[in-house]
Protein backbone atom coordinates (compact mmCIF):
# COMPACT_ATOMS: atom_id res chain seq x y z
CA MET A 1 47.54 264.62 173.58
CA ALA A 2 50.44 263.52 171.43
CA ILE A 3 54.17 263.25 172.06
CA TRP A 4 56.10 265.24 169.50
CA ARG A 5 59.68 264.44 168.54
CA ILE A 6 62.20 267.26 168.35
CA ASP A 7 61.76 267.97 164.63
CA LYS A 8 58.03 268.61 165.10
CA CYS A 9 58.77 270.81 168.13
CA LYS A 10 61.33 272.83 166.17
CA ASN A 11 58.87 273.33 163.32
CA GLU A 12 56.03 274.34 165.63
CA ALA A 13 58.20 276.83 167.53
CA GLY A 14 60.19 278.12 164.55
CA TYR A 15 63.62 276.97 165.67
CA ARG A 16 66.19 275.67 163.21
CA SER A 17 68.38 273.44 165.35
CA HIS A 18 68.21 270.84 168.08
CA ALA A 19 70.63 273.01 170.04
CA SER A 20 68.02 275.76 170.19
CA ILE A 21 65.58 273.53 172.06
CA TYR A 22 68.23 272.06 174.37
CA GLY A 23 69.57 275.54 175.09
CA LEU A 24 66.08 276.63 176.15
CA ILE A 25 65.82 273.59 178.42
CA ARG A 26 69.11 274.54 180.11
CA VAL A 27 67.83 278.01 180.98
CA GLY A 28 64.36 276.83 182.03
CA LEU A 29 62.43 278.14 179.02
CA TRP A 30 61.34 274.73 177.67
CA THR A 31 60.15 271.58 179.40
CA GLN A 32 62.30 268.50 179.86
CA PRO A 33 61.78 265.75 177.27
CA VAL A 34 59.80 262.60 178.03
CA LYS A 35 61.50 259.26 177.36
CA ILE A 36 59.47 257.26 174.84
CA GLY A 37 62.01 254.56 174.18
CA GLU A 38 65.53 253.50 174.98
CA ARG A 39 67.03 256.03 172.58
CA SER A 40 64.16 258.40 171.89
CA SER A 41 62.32 261.20 173.60
CA GLY A 42 59.74 263.82 172.84
CA TRP A 43 57.51 266.48 174.35
CA PRO A 44 53.79 266.47 175.09
CA SER A 45 52.11 268.51 172.37
CA GLU A 46 50.08 270.49 174.90
CA GLU A 47 53.28 271.69 176.59
CA VAL A 48 54.83 272.85 173.31
CA GLN A 49 51.60 274.63 172.40
CA ALA A 50 51.39 276.31 175.83
CA ILE A 51 54.95 277.61 175.58
CA ASN A 52 54.35 278.86 172.04
CA ALA A 53 51.10 280.57 173.09
CA ALA A 54 52.91 282.32 175.94
CA ARG A 55 55.62 283.55 173.56
CA ILE A 56 53.02 284.79 171.08
CA ALA A 57 51.17 286.58 173.90
CA GLY A 58 54.39 288.42 174.76
CA ALA A 59 55.26 286.64 178.01
CA SER A 60 58.61 287.51 179.51
CA ASP A 61 61.31 284.90 180.02
CA GLU A 62 60.50 284.86 183.74
CA GLN A 63 56.81 284.23 183.00
CA ILE A 64 57.74 281.40 180.68
CA ARG A 65 60.02 279.90 183.35
CA GLU A 66 57.04 279.91 185.72
CA LEU A 67 54.90 278.28 183.02
CA VAL A 68 57.53 275.57 182.52
CA LYS A 69 57.58 274.91 186.28
CA ALA A 70 53.78 274.65 186.25
CA LEU A 71 53.86 272.25 183.30
CA HIS A 72 56.37 270.03 185.12
CA ALA A 73 54.17 270.12 188.24
CA LYS A 74 51.18 269.11 186.12
CA ARG A 75 53.15 266.10 184.86
CA ALA A 76 53.88 265.07 188.45
CA GLU A 77 50.19 265.41 189.37
CA LYS A 78 49.16 263.23 186.43
CA LEU A 79 51.68 260.59 187.48
CA ALA A 80 50.40 260.64 191.06
CA VAL A 81 46.83 260.11 189.86
CA LEU A 82 47.88 257.23 187.61
CA MET A 83 49.88 255.57 190.37
CA ALA A 84 46.99 255.88 192.84
CA ALA A 85 44.55 254.17 190.48
């Protein structure tokens, strides 16, 4: 798994602006960014790919919102496992 910066995410998803990604985040159609530094953030590549695959498969906005919720839950599970180790 890699963490992709916003330019890579835009290219992978076909968006032209940062505002496109942040607009999707606001309406629950894209996952929240992960902080990777004091002034930088990115997205796990597997999350971007999952959202893109859902769009390609013809998922509705509501289905993608559910996917985004599941991806966030998966992040929380991974953190819990790491903290328990």
